[in-house]
Amino acid sequence: MTDAIGLILRRCLEDGTSFWAWSADDWVRLIAPGHKEFEAAWPGWIDGTVRPYVAAFAYLLGDFTHFHRIGGFIRRSLA
């Protein structure tokens, strides 16, 4: 879970924005359409187990509801 927080904060730093200003497209870009794309964007730093936490934070912090755009993941993890 802390890796997910770090990932969100790192993206804030890279983009020079705050997560509460992100659009659905910004969250989709971070979460990626699949776990392989997600892992490829952050090689050697995180693995696919972080992705559901990022999706949960997107829902809780960013009002993200476009789950159909991020492909498959374990929905139970989100719950």
PDB file of N, CA and C in Angstrom:
ATOM      1  N   MET A   1       0.816  -1.181   0.000  1.00  0.00           N
ATOM      2  CA  MET A   1       0.000   0.000   0.000  1.00  0.00           C
ATOM      3  C   MET A   1       0.869   1.257   0.000  1.00  0.00           C
ATOM      4  N   THR A   2       1.966   1.230   0.719  1.00  0.00           N
ATOM      5  CA  THR A   2       2.830   2.417   0.751  1.00  0.00           C
ATOM      6  C   THR A   2       3.465   2.671  -0.613  1.00  0.00           C
ATOM      7  N   ASP A   3       3.697   1.603  -1.375  1.00  0.00           N
ATOM      8  CA  ASP A   3       4.209   1.791  -2.740  1.00  0.00           C
ATOM      9  C   ASP A   3       3.186   2.521  -3.606  1.00  0.00           C
ATOM     10  N   ALA A   4       1.913   2.223  -3.405  1.00  0.00           N
ATOM     11  CA  ALA A   4       0.858   2.906  -4.162  1.00  0.00           C
ATOM     12  C   ALA A   4       0.832   4.394  -3.827  1.00  0.00           C
ATOM     13  N   ILE A   5       0.959   4.713  -2.562  1.00  0.00           N
ATOM     14  CA  ILE A   5       0.996   6.114  -2.144  1.00  0.00           C
ATOM     15  C   ILE A   5       2.205   6.807  -2.757  1.00  0.00           C
ATOM     16  N   GLY A   6       3.350   6.138  -2.694  1.00  0.00           N
ATOM     17  CA  GLY A   6       4.565   6.701  -3.279  1.00  0.00           C
ATOM     18  C   GLY A   6       4.428   6.922  -4.771  1.00  0.00           C
ATOM     19  N   LEU A   7       3.774   5.991  -5.447  1.00  0.00           N
ATOM     20  CA  LEU A   7       3.567   6.111  -6.890  1.00  0.00           C
ATOM     21  C   LEU A   7       2.696   7.324  -7.230  1.00  0.00           C
ATOM     22  N   ILE A   8       1.634   7.514  -6.473  1.00  0.00           N
ATOM     23  CA  ILE A   8       0.752   8.659  -6.700  1.00  0.00           C
ATOM     24  C   ILE A   8       1.496   9.966  -6.442  1.00  0.00           C
ATOM     25  N   LEU A   9       2.244  10.009  -5.357  1.00  0.00           N
ATOM     26  CA  LEU A   9       2.990  11.230  -5.044  1.00  0.00           C
ATOM     27  C   LEU A   9       4.086  11.503  -6.063  1.00  0.00           C
ATOM     28  N   ARG A  10       4.701  10.454  -6.550  1.00  0.00           N
ATOM     29  CA  ARG A  10       5.733  10.638  -7.582  1.00  0.00           C
ATOM     30  C   ARG A  10       5.124  11.217  -8.855  1.00  0.00           C
ATOM     31  N   ARG A  11       3.957  10.715  -9.229  1.00  0.00           N
ATOM     32  CA  ARG A  11       3.290  11.247 -10.423  1.00  0.00           C
ATOM     33  C   ARG A  11       2.897  12.712 -10.213  1.00  0.00           C
ATOM     34  N   CYS A  12       2.482  13.060  -8.988  1.00  0.00           N
ATOM     35  CA  CYS A  12       2.193  14.468  -8.680  1.00  0.00           C
ATOM     36  C   CYS A  12       3.434  15.319  -8.928  1.00  0.00           C
ATOM     37  N   LEU A  13       4.572  14.838  -8.462  1.00  0.00           N
ATOM     38  CA  LEU A  13       5.828  15.560  -8.643  1.00  0.00           C
ATOM     39  C   LEU A  13       6.187  15.677 -10.121  1.00  0.00           C
ATOM     40  N   GLU A  14       6.096  14.569 -10.845  1.00  0.00           N
ATOM     41  CA  GLU A  14       6.456  14.571 -12.265  1.00  0.00           C
ATOM     42  C   GLU A  14       5.574  15.507 -13.082  1.00  0.00           C
ATOM     43  N   ASP A  15       4.271  15.500 -12.786  1.00  0.00           N
ATOM     44  CA  ASP A  15       3.324  16.308 -13.559  1.00  0.00           C
ATOM     45  C   ASP A  15       3.165  17.723 -13.020  1.00  0.00           C
ATOM     46  N   GLY A  16       3.650  17.955 -11.800  1.00  0.00           N
ATOM     47  CA  GLY A  16       3.490  19.267 -11.199  1.00  0.00           C
ATOM     48  C   GLY A  16       2.046  19.589 -10.859  1.00  0.00           C
ATOM     49  N   THR A  17       1.291  18.540 -10.520  1.00  0.00           N
ATOM     50  CA  THR A  17      -0.122  18.700 -10.177  1.00  0.00           C
ATOM     51  C   THR A  17      -0.421  17.992  -8.871  1.00  0.00           C
ATOM     52  N   SER A  18      -1.599  18.200  -8.351  1.00  0.00           N
ATOM     53  CA  SER A  18      -2.054  17.454  -7.186  1.00  0.00           C
ATOM     54  C   SER A  18      -3.083  16.427  -7.645  1.00  0.00           C
ATOM     55  N   PHE A  19      -3.150  15.321  -6.954  1.00  0.00           N
ATOM     56  CA  PHE A  19      -4.027  14.234  -7.393  1.00  0.00           C
ATOM     57  C   PHE A  19      -5.496  14.638  -7.388  1.00  0.00           C
ATOM     58  N   TRP A  20      -5.888  15.573  -6.544  1.00  0.00           N
ATOM     59  CA  TRP A  20      -7.304  15.943  -6.511  1.00  0.00           C
ATOM     60  C   TRP A  20      -7.713  16.748  -7.745  1.00  0.00           C
ATOM     61  N   ALA A  21      -6.740  17.179  -8.525  1.00  0.00           N
ATOM     62  CA  ALA A  21      -7.041  17.892  -9.767  1.00  0.00           C
ATOM     63  C   ALA A  21      -7.003  16.965 -10.983  1.00  0.00           C
ATOM     64  N   TRP A  22      -6.681  15.685 -10.766  1.00  0.00           N
ATOM     65  CA  TRP A  22      -6.548  14.758 -11.888  1.00  0.00           C
ATOM     66  C   TRP A  22      -7.897  14.417 -12.493  1.00  0.00           C
ATOM     67  N   SER A  23      -7.891  14.246 -13.788  1.00  0.00           N
ATOM     68  CA  SER A  23      -9.076  13.784 -14.511  1.00  0.00           C
ATOM     69  C   SER A  23      -9.070  12.253 -14.532  1.00  0.00           C
ATOM     70  N   ALA A  24     -10.137  11.690 -15.047  1.00  0.00           N
ATOM     71  CA  ALA A  24     -10.192  10.234 -15.212  1.00  0.00           C
ATOM     72  C   ALA A  24      -9.056   9.766 -16.118  1.00  0.00           C
ATOM     73  N   ASP A  25      -8.739  10.545 -17.147  1.00  0.00           N
ATOM     74  CA  ASP A  25      -7.641  10.191 -18.056  1.00  0.00           C
ATOM     75  C   ASP A  25      -6.302  10.143 -17.323  1.00  0.00           C
ATOM     76  N   ASP A  26      -6.077  11.042 -16.393  1.00  0.00           N
ATOM     77  CA  ASP A  26      -4.841  11.044 -15.611  1.00  0.00           C
ATOM     78  C   ASP A  26      -4.729   9.778 -14.770  1.00  0.00           C
ATOM     79  N   TRP A  27      -5.840   9.405 -14.137  1.00  0.00           N
ATOM     80  CA  TRP A  27      -5.831   8.178 -13.334  1.00  0.00           C
ATOM     81  C   TRP A  27      -5.632   6.944 -14.203  1.00  0.00           C
ATOM     82  N   VAL A  28      -6.286   6.915 -15.360  1.00  0.00           N
ATOM     83  CA  VAL A  28      -6.116   5.780 -16.274  1.00  0.00           C
ATOM     84  C   VAL A  28      -4.666   5.683 -16.726  1.00  0.00           C
ATOM     85  N   ARG A  29      -4.050   6.807 -16.997  1.00  0.00           N
ATOM     86  CA  ARG A  29      -2.634   6.811 -17.414  1.00  0.00           C
ATOM     87  C   ARG A  29      -1.744   6.230 -16.314  1.00  0.00           C
ATOM     88  N   LEU A  30      -2.073   6.515 -15.064  1.00  0.00           N
ATOM     89  CA  LEU A  30      -1.281   5.989 -13.955  1.00  0.00           C
ATOM     90  C   LEU A  30      -1.562   4.505 -13.718  1.00  0.00           C
ATOM     91  N   ILE A  31      -2.817   4.122 -13.707  1.00  0.00           N
ATOM     92  CA  ILE A  31      -3.189   2.738 -13.404  1.00  0.00           C
ATOM     93  C   ILE A  31      -2.856   1.811 -14.556  1.00  0.00           C
ATOM     94  N   ALA A  32      -2.947   2.310 -15.778  1.00  0.00           N
ATOM     95  CA  ALA A  32      -2.638   1.563 -17.003  1.00  0.00           C
ATOM     96  C   ALA A  32      -3.763   0.587 -17.354  1.00  0.00           C
ATOM     97  N   PRO A  33      -3.847   0.221 -18.622  1.00  0.00           N
ATOM     98  CA  PRO A  33      -4.915  -0.684 -19.049  1.00  0.00           C
ATOM     99  C   PRO A  33      -4.699  -2.146 -18.650  1.00  0.00           C
ATOM    100  N   GLY A  34      -3.540  -2.480 -18.167  1.00  0.00           N
ATOM    101  CA  GLY A  34      -3.260  -3.850 -17.744  1.00  0.00           C
ATOM    102  C   GLY A  34      -2.058  -3.897 -16.819  1.00  0.00           C
ATOM    103  N   HIS A  35      -1.909  -5.030 -16.122  1.00  0.00           N
ATOM    104  CA  HIS A  35      -0.809  -5.112 -15.150  1.00  0.00           C
ATOM    105  C   HIS A  35       0.566  -5.108 -15.821  1.00  0.00           C
ATOM    106  N   LYS A  36       0.654  -5.637 -17.031  1.00  0.00           N
ATOM    107  CA  LYS A  36       1.947  -5.630 -17.724  1.00  0.00           C
ATOM    108  C   LYS A  36       2.377  -4.208 -18.073  1.00  0.00           C
ATOM    109  N   GLU A  37       1.440  -3.412 -18.544  1.00  0.00           N
ATOM    110  CA  GLU A  37       1.737  -2.016 -18.859  1.00  0.00           C
ATOM    111  C   GLU A  37       2.062  -1.235 -17.593  1.00  0.00           C
ATOM    112  N   PHE A  38       1.348  -1.560 -16.518  1.00  0.00           N
ATOM    113  CA  PHE A  38       1.587  -0.901 -15.237  1.00  0.00           C
ATOM    114  C   PHE A  38       3.006  -1.180 -14.750  1.00  0.00           C
ATOM    115  N   GLU A  39       3.405  -2.440 -14.770  1.00  0.00           N
ATOM    116  CA  GLU A  39       4.754  -2.813 -14.330  1.00  0.00           C
ATOM    117  C   GLU A  39       5.825  -2.236 -15.257  1.00  0.00           C
ATOM    118  N   ALA A  40       5.558  -2.205 -16.559  1.00  0.00           N
ATOM    119  CA  ALA A  40       6.546  -1.693 -17.520  1.00  0.00           C
ATOM    120  C   ALA A  40       6.819  -0.205 -17.311  1.00  0.00           C
ATOM    121  N   ALA A  41       5.824   0.520 -16.832  1.00  0.00           N
ATOM    122  CA  ALA A  41       6.001   1.959 -16.614  1.00  0.00           C
ATOM    123  C   ALA A  41       6.900   2.256 -15.419  1.00  0.00           C
ATOM    124  N   TRP A  42       7.057   1.296 -14.523  1.00  0.00           N
ATOM    125  CA  TRP A  42       7.833   1.495 -13.293  1.00  0.00           C
ATOM    126  C   TRP A  42       8.794   0.322 -13.086  1.00  0.00           C
ATOM    127  N   PRO A  43       9.679   0.044 -14.045  1.00  0.00           N
ATOM    128  CA  PRO A  43      10.532  -1.148 -13.960  1.00  0.00           C
ATOM    129  C   PRO A  43      11.446  -1.144 -12.733  1.00  0.00           C
ATOM    130  N   GLY A  44      11.456  -2.282 -12.066  1.00  0.00           N
ATOM    131  CA  GLY A  44      12.342  -2.456 -10.917  1.00  0.00           C
ATOM    132  C   GLY A  44      11.906  -1.751  -9.660  1.00  0.00           C
ATOM    133  N   TRP A  45      10.787  -1.038  -9.721  1.00  0.00           N
ATOM    134  CA  TRP A  45      10.365  -0.283  -8.551  1.00  0.00           C
ATOM    135  C   TRP A  45       9.139  -0.899  -7.887  1.00  0.00           C
ATOM    136  N   ILE A  46       8.162  -1.305  -8.687  1.00  0.00           N
ATOM    137  CA  ILE A  46       6.948  -1.898  -8.139  1.00  0.00           C
ATOM    138  C   ILE A  46       6.549  -3.101  -8.968  1.00  0.00           C
ATOM    139  N   ASP A  47       5.608  -3.865  -8.454  1.00  0.00           N
ATOM    140  CA  ASP A  47       5.077  -4.987  -9.219  1.00  0.00           C
ATOM    141  C   ASP A  47       3.562  -4.838  -9.326  1.00  0.00           C
ATOM    142  N   GLY A  48       2.928  -5.813  -9.961  1.00  0.00           N
ATOM    143  CA  GLY A  48       1.499  -5.743 -10.228  1.00  0.00           C
ATOM    144  C   GLY A  48       0.608  -5.746  -9.002  1.00  0.00           C
ATOM    145  N   THR A  49       1.136  -6.154  -7.859  1.00  0.00           N
ATOM    146  CA  THR A  49       0.301  -6.182  -6.649  1.00  0.00           C
ATOM    147  C   THR A  49      -0.048  -4.785  -6.156  1.00  0.00           C
ATOM    148  N   VAL A  50       0.654  -3.781  -6.633  1.00  0.00           N
ATOM    149  CA  VAL A  50       0.409  -2.396  -6.218  1.00  0.00           C
ATOM    150  C   VAL A  50      -0.772  -1.802  -6.975  1.00  0.00           C
ATOM    151  N   ARG A  51      -1.014  -2.288  -8.165  1.00  0.00           N
ATOM    152  CA  ARG A  51      -2.029  -1.705  -9.044  1.00  0.00           C
ATOM    153  C   ARG A  51      -3.420  -1.630  -8.418  1.00  0.00           C
ATOM    154  N   PRO A  52      -3.940  -2.683  -7.767  1.00  0.00           N
ATOM    155  CA  PRO A  52      -5.265  -2.567  -7.148  1.00  0.00           C
ATOM    156  C   PRO A  52      -5.327  -1.490  -6.066  1.00  0.00           C
ATOM    157  N   TYR A  53      -4.239  -1.291  -5.349  1.00  0.00           N
ATOM    158  CA  TYR A  53      -4.210  -0.226  -4.338  1.00  0.00           C
ATOM    159  C   TYR A  53      -4.296   1.153  -4.999  1.00  0.00           C
ATOM    160  N   VAL A  54      -3.612   1.307  -6.118  1.00  0.00           N
ATOM    161  CA  VAL A  54      -3.685   2.580  -6.836  1.00  0.00           C
ATOM    162  C   VAL A  54      -5.116   2.807  -7.324  1.00  0.00           C
ATOM    163  N   ALA A  55      -5.764   1.749  -7.811  1.00  0.00           N
ATOM    164  CA  ALA A  55      -7.156   1.864  -8.250  1.00  0.00           C
ATOM    165  C   ALA A  55      -8.063   2.245  -7.080  1.00  0.00           C
ATOM    166  N   ALA A  56      -7.824   1.667  -5.919  1.00  0.00           N
ATOM    167  CA  ALA A  56      -8.627   1.998  -4.734  1.00  0.00           C
ATOM    168  C   ALA A  56      -8.416   3.452  -4.330  1.00  0.00           C
ATOM    169  N   PHE A  57      -7.174   3.911  -4.345  1.00  0.00           N
ATOM    170  CA  PHE A  57      -6.901   5.314  -4.027  1.00  0.00           C
ATOM    171  C   PHE A  57      -7.544   6.239  -5.063  1.00  0.00           C
ATOM    172  N   ALA A  58      -7.537   5.821  -6.324  1.00  0.00           N
ATOM    173  CA  ALA A  58      -8.174   6.634  -7.367  1.00  0.00           C
ATOM    174  C   ALA A  58      -9.658   6.797  -7.068  1.00  0.00           C
ATOM    175  N   TYR A  59     -10.283   5.722  -6.628  1.00  0.00           N
ATOM    176  CA  TYR A  59     -11.708   5.772  -6.286  1.00  0.00           C
ATOM    177  C   TYR A  59     -11.942   6.642  -5.048  1.00  0.00           C
ATOM    178  N   LEU A  60     -11.143   6.409  -4.020  1.00  0.00           N
ATOM    179  CA  LEU A  60     -11.351   7.110  -2.743  1.00  0.00           C
ATOM    180  C   LEU A  60     -10.922   8.576  -2.787  1.00  0.00           C
ATOM    181  N   LEU A  61      -9.820   8.854  -3.430  1.00  0.00           N
ATOM    182  CA  LEU A  61      -9.266  10.207  -3.431  1.00  0.00           C
ATOM    183  C   LEU A  61      -9.659  11.031  -4.649  1.00  0.00           C
ATOM    184  N   GLY A  62      -9.864  10.348  -5.767  1.00  0.00           N
ATOM    185  CA  GLY A  62     -10.075  11.065  -7.016  1.00  0.00           C
ATOM    186  C   GLY A  62     -11.443  10.896  -7.620  1.00  0.00           C
ATOM    187  N   ASP A  63     -12.351  10.232  -6.887  1.00  0.00           N
ATOM    188  CA  ASP A  63     -13.705  10.032  -7.400  1.00  0.00           C
ATOM    189  C   ASP A  63     -13.697   9.276  -8.728  1.00  0.00           C
ATOM    190  N   PHE A  64     -12.715   8.408  -8.910  1.00  0.00           N
ATOM    191  CA  PHE A  64     -12.548   7.653 -10.154  1.00  0.00           C
ATOM    192  C   PHE A  64     -13.555   6.514 -10.204  1.00  0.00           C
ATOM    193  N   THR A  65     -14.307   6.431 -11.294  1.00  0.00           N
ATOM    194  CA  THR A  65     -15.285   5.348 -11.470  1.00  0.00           C
ATOM    195  C   THR A  65     -15.183   4.693 -12.849  1.00  0.00           C
ATOM    196  N   HIS A  66     -14.147   4.982 -13.590  1.00  0.00           N
ATOM    197  CA  HIS A  66     -13.996   4.479 -14.956  1.00  0.00           C
ATOM    198  C   HIS A  66     -13.230   3.153 -14.986  1.00  0.00           C
ATOM    199  N   PHE A  67     -13.645   2.218 -14.170  1.00  0.00           N
ATOM    200  CA  PHE A  67     -12.915   0.955 -14.045  1.00  0.00           C
ATOM    201  C   PHE A  67     -12.919   0.140 -15.331  1.00  0.00           C
ATOM    202  N   HIS A  68     -13.901   0.344 -16.174  1.00  0.00           N
ATOM    203  CA  HIS A  68     -13.946  -0.365 -17.453  1.00  0.00           C
ATOM    204  C   HIS A  68     -12.768   0.027 -18.354  1.00  0.00           C
ATOM    205  N   ARG A  69     -12.120   1.153 -18.058  1.00  0.00           N
ATOM    206  CA  ARG A  69     -10.999   1.635 -18.887  1.00  0.00           C
ATOM    207  C   ARG A  69      -9.642   1.091 -18.446  1.00  0.00           C
ATOM    208  N   ILE A  70      -9.588   0.407 -17.314  1.00  0.00           N
ATOM    209  CA  ILE A  70      -8.281  -0.049 -16.824  1.00  0.00           C
ATOM    210  C   ILE A  70      -8.106  -1.559 -16.921  1.00  0.00           C
ATOM    211  N   GLY A  71      -8.992  -2.219 -17.621  1.00  0.00           N
ATOM    212  CA  GLY A  71      -8.822  -3.639 -17.843  1.00  0.00           C
ATOM    213  C   GLY A  71      -9.048  -4.461 -16.594  1.00  0.00           C
ATOM    214  N   GLY A  72      -8.469  -5.644 -16.612  1.00  0.00           N
ATOM    215  CA  GLY A  72      -8.701  -6.577 -15.528  1.00  0.00           C
ATOM    216  C   GLY A  72      -7.818  -6.379 -14.310  1.00  0.00           C
ATOM    217  N   PHE A  73      -8.393  -6.580 -13.170  1.00  0.00           N
ATOM    218  CA  PHE A  73      -7.660  -6.640 -11.908  1.00  0.00           C
ATOM    219  C   PHE A  73      -8.583  -7.322 -10.905  1.00  0.00           C
ATOM    220  N   ILE A  74      -8.053  -7.712  -9.801  1.00  0.00           N
ATOM    221  CA  ILE A  74      -8.838  -8.427  -8.804  1.00  0.00           C
ATOM    222  C   ILE A  74      -9.763  -7.439  -8.113  1.00  0.00           C
ATOM    223  N   ARG A  75     -11.015  -7.506  -8.438  1.00  0.00           N
ATOM    224  CA  ARG A  75     -11.995  -6.557  -7.927  1.00  0.00           C
ATOM    225  C   ARG A  75     -12.143  -6.640  -6.401  1.00  0.00           C
ATOM    226  N   ARG A  76     -11.914  -7.810  -5.870  1.00  0.00           N
ATOM    227  CA  ARG A  76     -11.997  -7.976  -4.409  1.00  0.00           C
ATOM    228  C   ARG A  76     -10.975  -7.114  -3.695  1.00  0.00           C
ATOM    229  N   SER A  77      -9.826  -6.924  -4.311  1.00  0.00           N
ATOM    230  CA  SER A  77      -8.809  -6.052  -3.730  1.00  0.00           C
ATOM    231  C   SER A  77      -9.302  -4.622  -3.626  1.00  0.00           C
ATOM    232  N   LEU A  78     -10.053  -4.200  -4.616  1.00  0.00           N
ATOM    233  CA  LEU A  78     -10.607  -2.848  -4.597  1.00  0.00           C
ATOM    234  C   LEU A  78     -11.629  -2.702  -3.466  1.00  0.00           C
ATOM    235  N   ALA A  79     -12.447  -3.715  -3.326  1.00  0.00           N
ATOM    236  CA  ALA A  79     -13.474  -3.661  -2.260  1.00  0.00           C
ATOM    237  C   ALA A  79     -12.822  -3.590  -0.910  1.00  0.00           C
TER     238      ALA A  79
END
